[in-house]
């Protein structure tokens, strides 16, 4: 488990073709507004209600729903709930899955390089 200021993630599968993570977003927290050069993602909500910013448009996904994040698309996950954590299964696919392919645009935790 990797601890982040917004919650945590655990890598469930790491192969040459994809990486699968389980993300846990704490109540009232959000990930950075970011994009990736080398990968796309598919998110499936497994607990809670996700507020998602995708290329400056706000959308919502609840338990059992998915959203595709194309390579190069700006995106962010927000847990607006005050008490419940948000859980997401993230499937990354592309040519590279390293954490250094995160290009942050906005970040609540001052992690922009």
Protein backbone atom coordinates (compact mmCIF):
# COMPACT_ATOMS: atom_id res chain seq x y z
CA UNK A 1 0.00 0.00 0.00
CA UNK A 2 1.33 3.43 -0.98
CA UNK A 3 0.18 6.29 1.25
CA UNK A 4 -0.64 9.61 -0.44
CA UNK A 5 -1.96 12.87 1.05
CA UNK A 6 -5.39 12.19 -0.52
CA UNK A 7 -5.56 8.52 0.58
CA UNK A 8 -3.72 5.47 -0.71
CA UNK A 9 -3.34 2.99 -3.54
CA UNK A 10 -2.34 -0.62 -3.90
CA UNK A 11 -1.00 -2.20 -7.10
CA UNK A 12 -3.03 -5.34 -7.86
CA UNK A 13 -1.34 -6.23 -11.17
CA UNK A 14 1.78 -4.92 -12.86
CA UNK A 15 2.54 -6.38 -16.30
CA UNK A 16 4.05 -5.25 -19.59
CA UNK A 17 0.53 -4.63 -20.96
CA UNK A 18 -1.21 -2.94 -18.04
CA UNK A 19 -1.15 -1.89 -14.42
CA UNK A 20 -4.16 -2.28 -12.12
CA UNK A 21 -4.51 -0.28 -8.91
CA UNK A 22 -7.08 0.04 -6.16
CA UNK A 23 -7.34 3.70 -5.13
CA UNK A 24 -8.84 4.80 -1.82
CA UNK A 25 -9.70 8.51 -1.65
CA UNK A 26 -10.36 9.85 1.84
CA UNK A 27 -13.47 11.97 2.51
CA UNK A 28 -13.23 15.57 1.22
CA UNK A 29 -9.95 14.85 -0.64
CA UNK A 30 -8.92 14.98 -4.30
CA UNK A 31 -6.10 13.89 -6.55
CA UNK A 32 -4.13 16.39 -8.59
CA UNK A 33 -5.50 17.69 -11.89
CA UNK A 34 -3.14 15.87 -14.23
CA UNK A 35 -2.51 14.09 -17.51
CA UNK A 36 -0.24 11.36 -18.87
CA UNK A 37 1.81 11.16 -22.07
CA UNK A 38 2.18 7.38 -22.19
CA UNK A 39 -0.97 5.83 -20.77
CA UNK A 40 -4.75 5.88 -20.74
CA UNK A 41 -6.90 4.74 -17.82
CA UNK A 42 -10.27 3.17 -17.15
CA UNK A 43 -11.77 3.77 -13.71
CA UNK A 44 -14.49 1.62 -12.14
CA UNK A 45 -16.15 2.91 -8.99
CA UNK A 46 -16.43 0.15 -6.39
CA UNK A 47 -17.55 2.26 -3.40
CA UNK A 48 -18.93 5.78 -3.08
CA UNK A 49 -19.68 8.58 -5.52
CA UNK A 50 -16.84 10.03 -7.59
CA UNK A 51 -16.78 13.59 -8.84
CA UNK A 52 -14.51 13.56 -11.88
CA UNK A 53 -13.08 16.48 -13.80
CA UNK A 54 -12.26 15.34 -17.33
CA UNK A 55 -10.86 18.00 -19.66
CA UNK A 56 -12.50 20.75 -17.56
CA UNK A 57 -15.94 19.05 -17.56
CA UNK A 58 -17.43 17.81 -14.26
CA UNK A 59 -19.05 14.36 -14.39
CA UNK A 60 -20.19 11.91 -11.73
CA UNK A 61 -19.84 8.16 -11.43
CA UNK A 62 -21.31 5.89 -8.75
CA UNK A 63 -20.83 2.27 -7.68
CA UNK A 64 -20.53 -0.04 -10.69
CA UNK A 65 -20.01 2.74 -13.25
CA UNK A 66 -16.88 3.35 -15.30
CA UNK A 67 -15.18 6.18 -17.13
CA UNK A 68 -12.43 6.16 -19.75
CA UNK A 69 -9.55 8.62 -19.41
CA UNK A 70 -7.81 8.92 -22.81
CA UNK A 71 -4.05 9.39 -23.02
CA UNK A 72 -3.33 13.12 -22.74
CA UNK A 73 -6.72 13.99 -21.21
CA UNK A 74 -6.64 16.23 -18.14
CA UNK A 75 -8.36 14.51 -15.22
CA UNK A 76 -8.96 14.52 -11.48
CA UNK A 77 -10.92 12.40 -8.97
CA UNK A 78 -12.68 14.13 -6.07
CA UNK A 79 -14.41 12.55 -3.07
CA UNK A 80 -16.93 15.18 -1.96
CA UNK A 81 -18.47 12.97 0.73
CA UNK A 82 -17.83 14.09 4.30
CA UNK A 83 -17.69 10.62 5.87
CA UNK A 84 -17.35 7.78 3.33
CA UNK A 85 -14.17 6.89 1.49
CA UNK A 86 -14.24 6.50 -2.29
CA UNK A 87 -12.80 3.31 -3.81
CA UNK A 88 -11.82 2.96 -7.45
CA UNK A 89 -10.22 0.24 -9.55
CA UNK A 90 -7.91 1.88 -12.08
CA UNK A 91 -6.72 -0.03 -15.15
CA UNK A 92 -3.84 1.66 -16.95
CA UNK A 93 -2.94 0.71 -20.50
CA UNK A 94 -0.29 2.14 -22.79
CA UNK A 95 3.47 2.01 -23.20
CA UNK A 96 4.68 3.06 -19.74
CA UNK A 97 3.14 3.02 -16.25
CA UNK A 98 5.67 4.80 -14.04
CA UNK A 99 4.62 7.46 -11.54
CA UNK A 100 6.92 9.94 -13.33
CA UNK A 101 4.37 10.05 -16.21
CA UNK A 102 2.09 12.18 -14.01
CA UNK A 103 2.09 15.77 -15.24
CA UNK A 104 0.34 17.85 -12.60
CA UNK A 105 -1.55 21.02 -13.56
CA UNK A 106 -3.16 21.81 -10.18
CA UNK A 107 -2.46 20.18 -6.85
CA UNK A 108 -3.93 20.80 -3.40
CA UNK A 109 -0.76 19.36 -1.83
CA UNK A 110 1.85 21.51 -3.67
CA UNK A 111 3.39 18.64 -5.66
CA UNK A 112 3.73 20.52 -8.97
CA UNK A 113 7.28 20.39 -10.27
